[in-house]
């Protein structure tokens, strides 16, 4: 697990699946603009 980038995606009806948050193996995170400030990704290796 610790070697993997973990991401959360979502797919709304009629839309493409989109990345909303990711956490790399070095624990860097990034967020889609649509969820920034509201969603938080975290991991427990």
ModelCIF file with pLDDT and N, C-alpha, C, O atoms, coordinates in Angstrom:
data_MODEL
#
_entry.id   MODEL 
#
_entity.id                         1 
_entity.type                       polymer 
_entity.pdbx_number_of_molecules   1 
#
_entity_poly.entity_id                      1 
_entity_poly.type                           'polypeptide(L)' 
_entity_poly.nstd_linkage                   no 
_entity_poly.nstd_monomer                   no 
_entity_poly.pdbx_seq_one_letter_code       
;(UNK)(UNK)(UNK)(UNK)(UNK)(UNK)(UNK)(UNK)(UNK)(UNK)(UNK)(UNK)(UNK)(UNK)(UNK)(UNK)
(UNK)(UNK)(UNK)(UNK)(UNK)(UNK)(UNK)(UNK)(UNK)(UNK)(UNK)(UNK)(UNK)(UNK)(UNK)(UNK)
(UNK)(UNK)(UNK)(UNK)(UNK)(UNK)(UNK)(UNK)(UNK)(UNK)(UNK)(UNK)(UNK)
;
_entity_poly.pdbx_seq_one_letter_code_can   XXXXXXXXXXXXXXXXXXXXXXXXXXXXXXXXXXXXXXXXXXXXX 
_entity_poly.pdbx_strand_id                 A 
#
loop_
_entity_poly_seq.entity_id 
_entity_poly_seq.num 
_entity_poly_seq.mon_id 
_entity_poly_seq.hetero 
1 1  UNK n 
1 2  UNK n 
1 3  UNK n 
1 4  UNK n 
1 5  UNK n 
1 6  UNK n 
1 7  UNK n 
1 8  UNK n 
1 9  UNK n 
1 10 UNK n 
1 11 UNK n 
1 12 UNK n 
1 13 UNK n 
1 14 UNK n 
1 15 UNK n 
1 16 UNK n 
1 17 UNK n 
1 18 UNK n 
1 19 UNK n 
1 20 UNK n 
1 21 UNK n 
1 22 UNK n 
1 23 UNK n 
1 24 UNK n 
1 25 UNK n 
1 26 UNK n 
1 27 UNK n 
1 28 UNK n 
1 29 UNK n 
1 30 UNK n 
1 31 UNK n 
1 32 UNK n 
1 33 UNK n 
1 34 UNK n 
1 35 UNK n 
1 36 UNK n 
1 37 UNK n 
1 38 UNK n 
1 39 UNK n 
1 40 UNK n 
1 41 UNK n 
1 42 UNK n 
1 43 UNK n 
1 44 UNK n 
1 45 UNK n 
#
_struct_asym.id          A 
_struct_asym.entity_id   1 
#
loop_
_ma_qa_metric.id 
_ma_qa_metric.mode 
_ma_qa_metric.name 
_ma_qa_metric.software_group_id 
_ma_qa_metric.type 
1 global pLDDT . pLDDT 
2 local  pLDDT . pLDDT 
#
_ma_qa_metric_global.metric_id      1 
_ma_qa_metric_global.metric_value   96.87 
_ma_qa_metric_global.model_id       1 
_ma_qa_metric_global.ordinal_id     1 
#
loop_
_ma_qa_metric_local.label_asym_id 
_ma_qa_metric_local.label_comp_id 
_ma_qa_metric_local.label_seq_id 
_ma_qa_metric_local.metric_id 
_ma_qa_metric_local.metric_value 
_ma_qa_metric_local.model_id 
_ma_qa_metric_local.ordinal_id 
A UNK 1  2 96.00 1 1  
A UNK 2  2 96.00 1 2  
A UNK 3  2 97.00 1 3  
A UNK 4  2 97.00 1 4  
A UNK 5  2 98.00 1 5  
A UNK 6  2 98.00 1 6  
A UNK 7  2 98.00 1 7  
A UNK 8  2 98.00 1 8  
A UNK 9  2 98.00 1 9  
A UNK 10 2 98.00 1 10 
A UNK 11 2 98.00 1 11 
A UNK 12 2 95.00 1 12 
A UNK 13 2 90.00 1 13 
A UNK 14 2 93.00 1 14 
A UNK 15 2 96.00 1 15 
A UNK 16 2 96.00 1 16 
A UNK 17 2 97.00 1 17 
A UNK 18 2 97.00 1 18 
A UNK 19 2 98.00 1 19 
A UNK 20 2 97.00 1 20 
A UNK 21 2 98.00 1 21 
A UNK 22 2 98.00 1 22 
A UNK 23 2 98.00 1 23 
A UNK 24 2 97.00 1 24 
A UNK 25 2 95.00 1 25 
A UNK 26 2 95.00 1 26 
A UNK 27 2 93.00 1 27 
A UNK 28 2 97.00 1 28 
A UNK 29 2 98.00 1 29 
A UNK 30 2 97.00 1 30 
A UNK 31 2 98.00 1 31 
A UNK 32 2 98.00 1 32 
A UNK 33 2 97.00 1 33 
A UNK 34 2 96.00 1 34 
A UNK 35 2 97.00 1 35 
A UNK 36 2 97.00 1 36 
A UNK 37 2 97.00 1 37 
A UNK 38 2 98.00 1 38 
A UNK 39 2 98.00 1 39 
A UNK 40 2 98.00 1 40 
A UNK 41 2 98.00 1 41 
A UNK 42 2 98.00 1 42 
A UNK 43 2 98.00 1 43 
A UNK 44 2 97.00 1 44 
A UNK 45 2 97.00 1 45 
#
loop_
_atom_site.group_PDB 
_atom_site.id 
_atom_site.type_symbol 
_atom_site.label_atom_id 
_atom_site.label_alt_id 
_atom_site.label_comp_id 
_atom_site.label_asym_id 
_atom_site.label_entity_id 
_atom_site.label_seq_id 
_atom_site.pdbx_PDB_ins_code 
_atom_site.Cartn_x 
_atom_site.Cartn_y 
_atom_site.Cartn_z 
_atom_site.occupancy 
_atom_site.B_iso_or_equiv 
_atom_site.pdbx_formal_charge 
_atom_site.auth_seq_id 
_atom_site.auth_comp_id 
_atom_site.auth_asym_id 
_atom_site.auth_atom_id 
_atom_site.pdbx_PDB_model_num 
ATOM 1   N N  . UNK A 1 1  ? 0.806   -1.209 0.000   1.00 96.00 ? 1  UNK A N  1 
ATOM 2   C CA . UNK A 1 1  ? 0.000   0.000  0.000   1.00 96.00 ? 1  UNK A CA 1 
ATOM 3   C C  . UNK A 1 1  ? 0.844   1.267  0.000   1.00 96.00 ? 1  UNK A C  1 
ATOM 4   O O  . UNK A 1 1  ? 0.535   2.221  -0.714  1.00 96.00 ? 1  UNK A O  1 
ATOM 5   N N  . UNK A 1 2  ? 1.897   1.279  0.789   1.00 96.00 ? 2  UNK A N  1 
ATOM 6   C CA . UNK A 1 2  ? 2.679   2.506  0.960   1.00 96.00 ? 2  UNK A CA 1 
ATOM 7   C C  . UNK A 1 2  ? 3.341   2.964  -0.337  1.00 96.00 ? 2  UNK A C  1 
ATOM 8   O O  . UNK A 1 2  ? 3.736   4.125  -0.449  1.00 96.00 ? 2  UNK A O  1 
ATOM 9   N N  . UNK A 1 3  ? 3.466   2.086  -1.300  1.00 97.00 ? 3  UNK A N  1 
ATOM 10  C CA . UNK A 1 3  ? 4.122   2.442  -2.551  1.00 97.00 ? 3  UNK A CA 1 
ATOM 11  C C  . UNK A 1 3  ? 3.163   3.025  -3.579  1.00 97.00 ? 3  UNK A C  1 
ATOM 12  O O  . UNK A 1 3  ? 3.584   3.552  -4.609  1.00 97.00 ? 3  UNK A O  1 
ATOM 13  N N  . UNK A 1 4  ? 1.883   2.926  -3.291  1.00 97.00 ? 4  UNK A N  1 
ATOM 14  C CA . UNK A 1 4  ? 0.874   3.309  -4.262  1.00 97.00 ? 4  UNK A CA 1 
ATOM 15  C C  . UNK A 1 4  ? 0.397   4.744  -4.078  1.00 97.00 ? 4  UNK A C  1 
ATOM 16  O O  . UNK A 1 4  ? 0.256   5.234  -2.957  1.00 97.00 ? 4  UNK A O  1 
ATOM 17  N N  . UNK A 1 5  ? 0.155   5.401  -5.202  1.00 98.00 ? 5  UNK A N  1 
ATOM 18  C CA . UNK A 1 5  ? -0.639  6.615  -5.183  1.00 98.00 ? 5  UNK A CA 1 
ATOM 19  C C  . UNK A 1 5  ? -2.095  6.201  -5.075  1.00 98.00 ? 5  UNK A C  1 
ATOM 20  O O  . UNK A 1 5  ? -2.588  5.390  -5.860  1.00 98.00 ? 5  UNK A O  1 
ATOM 21  N N  . UNK A 1 6  ? -2.770  6.771  -4.093  1.00 98.00 ? 6  UNK A N  1 
ATOM 22  C CA . UNK A 1 6  ? -4.179  6.458  -3.873  1.00 98.00 ? 6  UNK A CA 1 
ATOM 23  C C  . UNK A 1 6  ? -5.012  7.660  -4.283  1.00 98.00 ? 6  UNK A C  1 
ATOM 24  O O  . UNK A 1 6  ? -4.715  8.799  -3.923  1.00 98.00 ? 6  UNK A O  1 
ATOM 25  N N  . UNK A 1 7  ? -6.043  7.384  -5.033  1.00 98.00 ? 7  UNK A N  1 
ATOM 26  C CA . UNK A 1 7  ? -6.877  8.477  -5.511  1.00 98.00 ? 7  UNK A CA 1 
ATOM 27  C C  . UNK A 1 7  ? -8.343  8.199  -5.287  1.00 98.00 ? 7  UNK A C  1 
ATOM 28  O O  . UNK A 1 7  ? -8.771  7.048  -5.201  1.00 98.00 ? 7  UNK A O  1 
ATOM 29  N N  . UNK A 1 8  ? -9.104  9.273  -5.193  1.00 98.00 ? 8  UNK A N  1 
ATOM 30  C CA . UNK A 1 8  ? -10.553 9.199  -5.172  1.00 98.00 ? 8  UNK A CA 1 
ATOM 31  C C  . UNK A 1 8  ? -11.084 9.843  -6.445  1.00 98.00 ? 8  UNK A C  1 
ATOM 32  O O  . UNK A 1 8  ? -10.696 10.953 -6.809  1.00 98.00 ? 8  UNK A O  1 
ATOM 33  N N  . UNK A 1 9  ? -11.964 9.136  -7.100  1.00 98.00 ? 9  UNK A N  1 
ATOM 34  C CA . UNK A 1 9  ? -12.605 9.597  -8.316  1.00 98.00 ? 9  UNK A CA 1 
ATOM 35  C C  . UNK A 1 9  ? -14.109 9.598  -8.102  1.00 98.00 ? 9  UNK A C  1 
ATOM 36  O O  . UNK A 1 9  ? -14.622 8.977  -7.171  1.00 98.00 ? 9  UNK A O  1 
ATOM 37  N N  . UNK A 1 10 ? -14.797 10.299 -8.970  1.00 98.00 ? 10 UNK A N  1 
ATOM 38  C CA . UNK A 1 10 ? -16.244 10.221 -8.946  1.00 98.00 ? 10 UNK A CA 1 
ATOM 39  C C  . UNK A 1 10 ? -16.787 10.304 -10.365 1.00 98.00 ? 10 UNK A C  1 
ATOM 40  O O  . UNK A 1 10 ? -16.160 10.854 -11.271 1.00 98.00 ? 10 UNK A O  1 
ATOM 41  N N  . UNK A 1 11 ? -17.960 9.742  -10.520 1.00 98.00 ? 11 UNK A N  1 
ATOM 42  C CA . UNK A 1 11 ? -18.632 9.759  -11.812 1.00 98.00 ? 11 UNK A CA 1 
ATOM 43  C C  . UNK A 1 11 ? -20.099 10.064 -11.591 1.00 98.00 ? 11 UNK A C  1 
ATOM 44  O O  . UNK A 1 11 ? -20.835 9.278  -10.994 1.00 98.00 ? 11 UNK A O  1 
ATOM 45  N N  . UNK A 1 12 ? -20.505 11.215 -12.080 1.00 95.00 ? 12 UNK A N  1 
ATOM 46  C CA . UNK A 1 12 ? -21.907 11.602 -12.004 1.00 95.00 ? 12 UNK A CA 1 
ATOM 47  C C  . UNK A 1 12 ? -22.619 11.083 -13.239 1.00 95.00 ? 12 UNK A C  1 
ATOM 48  O O  . UNK A 1 12 ? -21.979 10.815 -14.256 1.00 95.00 ? 12 UNK A O  1 
ATOM 49  N N  . UNK A 1 13 ? -23.937 10.938 -13.166 1.00 90.00 ? 13 UNK A N  1 
ATOM 50  C CA . UNK A 1 13 ? -24.689 10.438 -14.318 1.00 90.00 ? 13 UNK A CA 1 
ATOM 51  C C  . UNK A 1 13 ? -24.443 11.276 -15.564 1.00 90.00 ? 13 UNK A C  1 
ATOM 52  O O  . UNK A 1 13 ? -24.564 12.501 -15.536 1.00 90.00 ? 13 UNK A O  1 
ATOM 53  N N  . UNK A 1 14 ? -24.098 10.605 -16.652 1.00 93.00 ? 14 UNK A N  1 
ATOM 54  C CA . UNK A 1 14 ? -23.882 11.290 -17.912 1.00 93.00 ? 14 UNK A CA 1 
ATOM 55  C C  . UNK A 1 14 ? -22.562 12.011 -18.032 1.00 93.00 ? 14 UNK A C  1 
ATOM 56  O O  . UNK A 1 14 ? -22.324 12.708 -19.018 1.00 93.00 ? 14 UNK A O  1 
ATOM 57  N N  . UNK A 1 15 ? -21.690 11.855 -17.037 1.00 96.00 ? 15 UNK A N  1 
ATOM 58  C CA . UNK A 1 15 ? -20.406 12.551 -17.059 1.00 96.00 ? 15 UNK A CA 1 
ATOM 59  C C  . UNK A 1 15 ? -19.262 11.546 -16.987 1.00 96.00 ? 15 UNK A C  1 
ATOM 60  O O  . UNK A 1 15 ? -19.441 10.385 -16.618 1.00 96.00 ? 15 UNK A O  1 
ATOM 61  N N  . UNK A 1 16 ? -18.088 12.035 -17.351 1.00 96.00 ? 16 UNK A N  1 
ATOM 62  C CA . UNK A 1 16 ? -16.903 11.188 -17.273 1.00 96.00 ? 16 UNK A CA 1 
ATOM 63  C C  . UNK A 1 16 ? -16.429 11.076 -15.829 1.00 96.00 ? 16 UNK A C  1 
ATOM 64  O O  . UNK A 1 16 ? -16.683 11.949 -15.000 1.00 96.00 ? 16 UNK A O  1 
ATOM 65  N N  . UNK A 1 17 ? -15.743 9.993  -15.558 1.00 97.00 ? 17 UNK A N  1 
ATOM 66  C CA . UNK A 1 17 ? -15.137 9.826  -14.248 1.00 97.00 ? 17 UNK A CA 1 
ATOM 67  C C  . UNK A 1 17 ? -14.020 10.857 -14.104 1.00 97.00 ? 17 UNK A C  1 
ATOM 68  O O  . UNK A 1 17 ? -13.222 11.060 -15.019 1.00 97.00 ? 17 UNK A O  1 
ATOM 69  N N  . UNK A 1 18 ? -13.978 11.503 -12.939 1.00 97.00 ? 18 UNK A N  1 
ATOM 70  C CA . UNK A 1 18 ? -12.989 12.542 -12.727 1.00 97.00 ? 18 UNK A CA 1 
ATOM 71  C C  . UNK A 1 18 ? -12.234 12.314 -11.424 1.00 97.00 ? 18 UNK A C  1 
ATOM 72  O O  . UNK A 1 18 ? -12.780 11.812 -10.441 1.00 97.00 ? 18 UNK A O  1 
ATOM 73  N N  . UNK A 1 19 ? -10.959 12.700 -11.448 1.00 98.00 ? 19 UNK A N  1 
ATOM 74  C CA . UNK A 1 19 ? -10.142 12.652 -10.247 1.00 98.00 ? 19 UNK A CA 1 
ATOM 75  C C  . UNK A 1 19 ? -10.513 13.822 -9.350  1.00 98.00 ? 19 UNK A C  1 
ATOM 76  O O  . UNK A 1 19 ? -10.580 14.965 -9.803  1.00 98.00 ? 19 UNK A O  1 
ATOM 77  N N  . UNK A 1 20 ? -10.753 13.532 -8.073  1.00 97.00 ? 20 UNK A N  1 
ATOM 78  C CA . UNK A 1 20 ? -11.061 14.630 -7.170  1.00 97.00 ? 20 UNK A CA 1 
ATOM 79  C C  . UNK A 1 20 ? -10.002 14.807 -6.088  1.00 97.00 ? 20 UNK A C  1 
ATOM 80  O O  . UNK A 1 20 ? -9.846  15.910 -5.563  1.00 97.00 ? 20 UNK A O  1 
ATOM 81  N N  . UNK A 1 21 ? -9.276  13.758 -5.745  1.00 98.00 ? 21 UNK A N  1 
ATOM 82  C CA . UNK A 1 21 ? -8.236  13.886 -4.724  1.00 98.00 ? 21 UNK A CA 1 
ATOM 83  C C  . UNK A 1 21 ? -7.255  12.731 -4.866  1.00 98.00 ? 21 UNK A C  1 
ATOM 84  O O  . UNK A 1 21 ? -7.636  11.618 -5.226  1.00 98.00 ? 21 UNK A O  1 
ATOM 85  N N  . UNK A 1 22 ? -5.989  13.010 -4.577  1.00 98.00 ? 22 UNK A N  1 
ATOM 86  C CA . UNK A 1 22 ? -4.982  11.956 -4.655  1.00 98.00 ? 22 UNK A CA 1 
ATOM 87  C C  . UNK A 1 22 ? -3.937  12.168 -3.577  1.00 98.00 ? 22 UNK A C  1 
ATOM 88  O O  . UNK A 1 22 ? -3.672  13.292 -3.151  1.00 98.00 ? 22 UNK A O  1 
ATOM 89  N N  . UNK A 1 23 ? -3.351  11.060 -3.145  1.00 98.00 ? 23 UNK A N  1 
ATOM 90  C CA . UNK A 1 23 ? -2.285  11.066 -2.142  1.00 98.00 ? 23 UNK A CA 1 
ATOM 91  C C  . UNK A 1 23 ? -1.175  10.157 -2.655  1.00 98.00 ? 23 UNK A C  1 
ATOM 92  O O  . UNK A 1 23 ? -1.390  8.966  -2.878  1.00 98.00 ? 23 UNK A O  1 
ATOM 93  N N  . UNK A 1 24 ? 0.004   10.724 -2.839  1.00 97.00 ? 24 UNK A N  1 
ATOM 94  C CA . UNK A 1 24 ? 1.107   9.932  -3.372  1.00 97.00 ? 24 UNK A CA 1 
ATOM 95  C C  . UNK A 1 24 ? 1.775   9.125  -2.264  1.00 97.00 ? 24 UNK A C  1 
ATOM 96  O O  . UNK A 1 24 ? 1.437   9.258  -1.088  1.00 97.00 ? 24 UNK A O  1 
ATOM 97  N N  . UNK A 1 25 ? 2.720   8.292  -2.660  1.00 95.00 ? 25 UNK A N  1 
ATOM 98  C CA . UNK A 1 25 ? 3.445   7.492  -1.682  1.00 95.00 ? 25 UNK A CA 1 
ATOM 99  C C  . UNK A 1 25 ? 4.243   8.371  -0.722  1.00 95.00 ? 25 UNK A C  1 
ATOM 100 O O  . UNK A 1 25 ? 4.521   7.965  0.406   1.00 95.00 ? 25 UNK A O  1 
ATOM 101 N N  . UNK A 1 26 ? 4.604   9.552  -1.156  1.00 95.00 ? 26 UNK A N  1 
ATOM 102 C CA . UNK A 1 26 ? 5.304   10.492 -0.283  1.00 95.00 ? 26 UNK A CA 1 
ATOM 103 C C  . UNK A 1 26 ? 4.332   11.434 0.430   1.00 95.00 ? 26 UNK A C  1 
ATOM 104 O O  . UNK A 1 26 ? 4.732   12.421 1.048   1.00 95.00 ? 26 UNK A O  1 
ATOM 105 N N  . UNK A 1 27 ? 3.037   11.098 0.324   1.00 93.00 ? 27 UNK A N  1 
ATOM 106 C CA . UNK A 1 27 ? 1.969   11.821 1.025   1.00 93.00 ? 27 UNK A CA 1 
ATOM 107 C C  . UNK A 1 27 ? 1.700   13.214 0.468   1.00 93.00 ? 27 UNK A C  1 
ATOM 108 O O  . UNK A 1 27 ? 1.053   14.028 1.126   1.00 93.00 ? 27 UNK A O  1 
ATOM 109 N N  . UNK A 1 28 ? 2.183   13.492 -0.719  1.00 97.00 ? 28 UNK A N  1 
ATOM 110 C CA . UNK A 1 28 ? 1.751   14.733 -1.356  1.00 97.00 ? 28 UNK A CA 1 
ATOM 111 C C  . UNK A 1 28 ? 0.306   14.551 -1.791  1.00 97.00 ? 28 UNK A C  1 
ATOM 112 O O  . UNK A 1 28 ? -0.102  13.468 -2.208  1.00 97.00 ? 28 UNK A O  1 
ATOM 113 N N  . UNK A 1 29 ? -0.458  15.627 -1.686  1.00 98.00 ? 29 UNK A N  1 
ATOM 114 C CA . UNK A 1 29 ? -1.865  15.555 -2.039  1.00 98.00 ? 29 UNK A CA 1 
ATOM 115 C C  . UNK A 1 29 ? -2.195  16.588 -3.109  1.00 98.00 ? 29 UNK A C  1 
ATOM 116 O O  . UNK A 1 29 ? -1.550  17.631 -3.221  1.00 98.00 ? 29 UNK A O  1 
ATOM 117 N N  . UNK A 1 30 ? -3.206  16.269 -3.880  1.00 97.00 ? 30 UNK A N  1 
ATOM 118 C CA . UNK A 1 30 ? -3.740  17.258 -4.799  1.00 97.00 ? 30 UNK A CA 1 
ATOM 119 C C  . UNK A 1 30 ? -5.241  17.053 -4.914  1.00 97.00 ? 30 UNK A C  1 
ATOM 120 O O  . UNK A 1 30 ? -5.761  15.960 -4.687  1.00 97.00 ? 30 UNK A O  1 
ATOM 121 N N  . UNK A 1 31 ? -5.920  18.133 -5.272  1.00 98.00 ? 31 UNK A N  1 
ATOM 122 C CA . UNK A 1 31 ? -7.374  18.144 -5.298  1.00 98.00 ? 31 UNK A CA 1 
ATOM 123 C C  . UNK A 1 31 ? -7.890  18.814 -6.560  1.00 98.00 ? 31 UNK A C  1 
ATOM 124 O O  . UNK A 1 31 ? -7.256  19.709 -7.118  1.00 98.00 ? 31 UNK A O  1 
ATOM 125 N N  . UNK A 1 32 ? -9.049  18.359 -6.989  1.00 98.00 ? 32 UNK A N  1 
ATOM 126 C CA . UNK A 1 32 ? -9.757  19.074 -8.040  1.00 98.00 ? 32 UNK A CA 1 
ATOM 127 C C  . UNK A 1 32 ? -10.250 20.407 -7.474  1.00 98.00 ? 32 UNK A C  1 
ATOM 128 O O  . UNK A 1 32 ? -10.573 20.514 -6.291  1.00 98.00 ? 32 UNK A O  1 
ATOM 129 N N  . UNK A 1 33 ? -10.301 21.400 -8.329  1.00 97.00 ? 33 UNK A N  1 
ATOM 130 C CA . UNK A 1 33 ? -10.750 22.722 -7.871  1.00 97.00 ? 33 UNK A CA 1 
ATOM 131 C C  . UNK A 1 33 ? -12.153 22.670 -7.277  1.00 97.00 ? 33 UNK A C  1 
ATOM 132 O O  . UNK A 1 33 ? -12.483 23.436 -6.372  1.00 97.00 ? 33 UNK A O  1 
ATOM 133 N N  . UNK A 1 34 ? -12.964 21.771 -7.788  1.00 96.00 ? 34 UNK A N  1 
ATOM 134 C CA . UNK A 1 34 ? -14.363 21.707 -7.361  1.00 96.00 ? 34 UNK A CA 1 
ATOM 135 C C  . UNK A 1 34 ? -14.509 21.255 -5.912  1.00 96.00 ? 34 UNK A C  1 
ATOM 136 O O  . UNK A 1 34 ? -15.548 21.494 -5.298  1.00 96.00 ? 34 UNK A O  1 
ATOM 137 N N  . UNK A 1 35 ? -13.484 20.606 -5.353  1.00 97.00 ? 35 UNK A N  1 
ATOM 138 C CA . UNK A 1 35 ? -13.594 20.097 -3.986  1.00 97.00 ? 35 UNK A CA 1 
ATOM 139 C C  . UNK A 1 35 ? -12.557 20.704 -3.050  1.00 97.00 ? 35 UNK A C  1 
ATOM 140 O O  . UNK A 1 35 ? -12.582 20.443 -1.847  1.00 97.00 ? 35 UNK A O  1 
ATOM 141 N N  . UNK A 1 36 ? -11.655 21.502 -3.585  1.00 97.00 ? 36 UNK A N  1 
ATOM 142 C CA . UNK A 1 36 ? -10.584 22.070 -2.771  1.00 97.00 ? 36 UNK A CA 1 
ATOM 143 C C  . UNK A 1 36 ? -11.173 22.900 -1.637  1.00 97.00 ? 36 UNK A C  1 
ATOM 144 O O  . UNK A 1 36 ? -12.058 23.729 -1.848  1.00 97.00 ? 36 UNK A O  1 
ATOM 145 N N  . UNK A 1 37 ? -10.670 22.661 -0.440  1.00 97.00 ? 37 UNK A N  1 
ATOM 146 C CA . UNK A 1 37 ? -11.162 23.375 0.727   1.00 97.00 ? 37 UNK A CA 1 
ATOM 147 C C  . UNK A 1 37 ? -12.336 22.705 1.404   1.00 97.00 ? 37 UNK A C  1 
ATOM 148 O O  . UNK A 1 37 ? -12.689 23.062 2.528   1.00 97.00 ? 37 UNK A O  1 
ATOM 149 N N  . UNK A 1 38 ? -12.952 21.731 0.734   1.00 98.00 ? 38 UNK A N  1 
ATOM 150 C CA . UNK A 1 38 ? -14.088 21.014 1.334   1.00 98.00 ? 38 UNK A CA 1 
ATOM 151 C C  . UNK A 1 38 ? -13.757 19.549 1.616   1.00 98.00 ? 38 UNK A C  1 
ATOM 152 O O  . UNK A 1 38 ? -14.231 18.978 2.599   1.00 98.00 ? 38 UNK A O  1 
ATOM 153 N N  . UNK A 1 39 ? -12.951 18.952 0.761   1.00 98.00 ? 39 UNK A N  1 
ATOM 154 C CA . UNK A 1 39 ? -12.611 17.533 0.892   1.00 98.00 ? 39 UNK A CA 1 
ATOM 155 C C  . UNK A 1 39 ? -11.160 17.390 1.337   1.00 98.00 ? 39 UNK A C  1 
ATOM 156 O O  . UNK A 1 39 ? -10.307 18.203 0.982   1.00 98.00 ? 39 UNK A O  1 
ATOM 157 N N  . UNK A 1 40 ? -10.895 16.356 2.111   1.00 98.00 ? 40 UNK A N  1 
ATOM 158 C CA . UNK A 1 40 ? -9.536  16.076 2.562   1.00 98.00 ? 40 UNK A CA 1 
ATOM 159 C C  . UNK A 1 40 ? -9.235  14.600 2.396   1.00 98.00 ? 40 UNK A C  1 
ATOM 160 O O  . UNK A 1 40 ? -9.963  13.746 2.900   1.00 98.00 ? 40 UNK A O  1 
ATOM 161 N N  . UNK A 1 41 ? -8.160  14.308 1.686   1.00 98.00 ? 41 UNK A N  1 
ATOM 162 C CA . UNK A 1 41 ? -7.706  12.926 1.545   1.00 98.00 ? 41 UNK A CA 1 
ATOM 163 C C  . UNK A 1 41 ? -6.601  12.680 2.563   1.00 98.00 ? 41 UNK A C  1 
ATOM 164 O O  . UNK A 1 41 ? -5.763  13.544 2.821   1.00 98.00 ? 41 UNK A O  1 
ATOM 165 N N  . UNK A 1 42 ? -6.621  11.482 3.132   1.00 98.00 ? 42 UNK A N  1 
ATOM 166 C CA . UNK A 1 42 ? -5.571  11.089 4.062   1.00 98.00 ? 42 UNK A CA 1 
ATOM 167 C C  . UNK A 1 42 ? -5.353  9.591  3.934   1.00 98.00 ? 42 UNK A C  1 
ATOM 168 O O  . UNK A 1 42 ? -6.185  8.880  3.371   1.00 98.00 ? 42 UNK A O  1 
ATOM 169 N N  . UNK A 1 43 ? -4.246  9.121  4.452   1.00 98.00 ? 43 UNK A N  1 
ATOM 170 C CA . UNK A 1 43 ? -3.956  7.700  4.355   1.00 98.00 ? 43 UNK A CA 1 
ATOM 171 C C  . UNK A 1 43 ? -3.283  7.224  5.634   1.00 98.00 ? 43 UNK A C  1 
ATOM 172 O O  . UNK A 1 43 ? -2.566  7.964  6.308   1.00 98.00 ? 43 UNK A O  1 
ATOM 173 N N  . UNK A 1 44 ? -3.542  5.972  5.935   1.00 97.00 ? 44 UNK A N  1 
ATOM 174 C CA . UNK A 1 44 ? -2.906  5.306  7.070   1.00 97.00 ? 44 UNK A CA 1 
ATOM 175 C C  . UNK A 1 44 ? -2.227  4.069  6.512   1.00 97.00 ? 44 UNK A C  1 
ATOM 176 O O  . UNK A 1 44 ? -2.869  3.043  6.287   1.00 97.00 ? 44 UNK A O  1 
ATOM 177 N N  . UNK A 1 45 ? -0.932  4.171  6.292   1.00 97.00 ? 45 UNK A N  1 
ATOM 178 C CA . UNK A 1 45 ? -0.219  3.053  5.675   1.00 97.00 ? 45 UNK A CA 1 
ATOM 179 C C  . UNK A 1 45 ? -0.189  1.821  6.569   1.00 97.00 ? 45 UNK A C  1 
ATOM 180 O O  . UNK A 1 45 ? 0.376   0.796  6.189   1.00 97.00 ? 45 UNK A O  1 
#
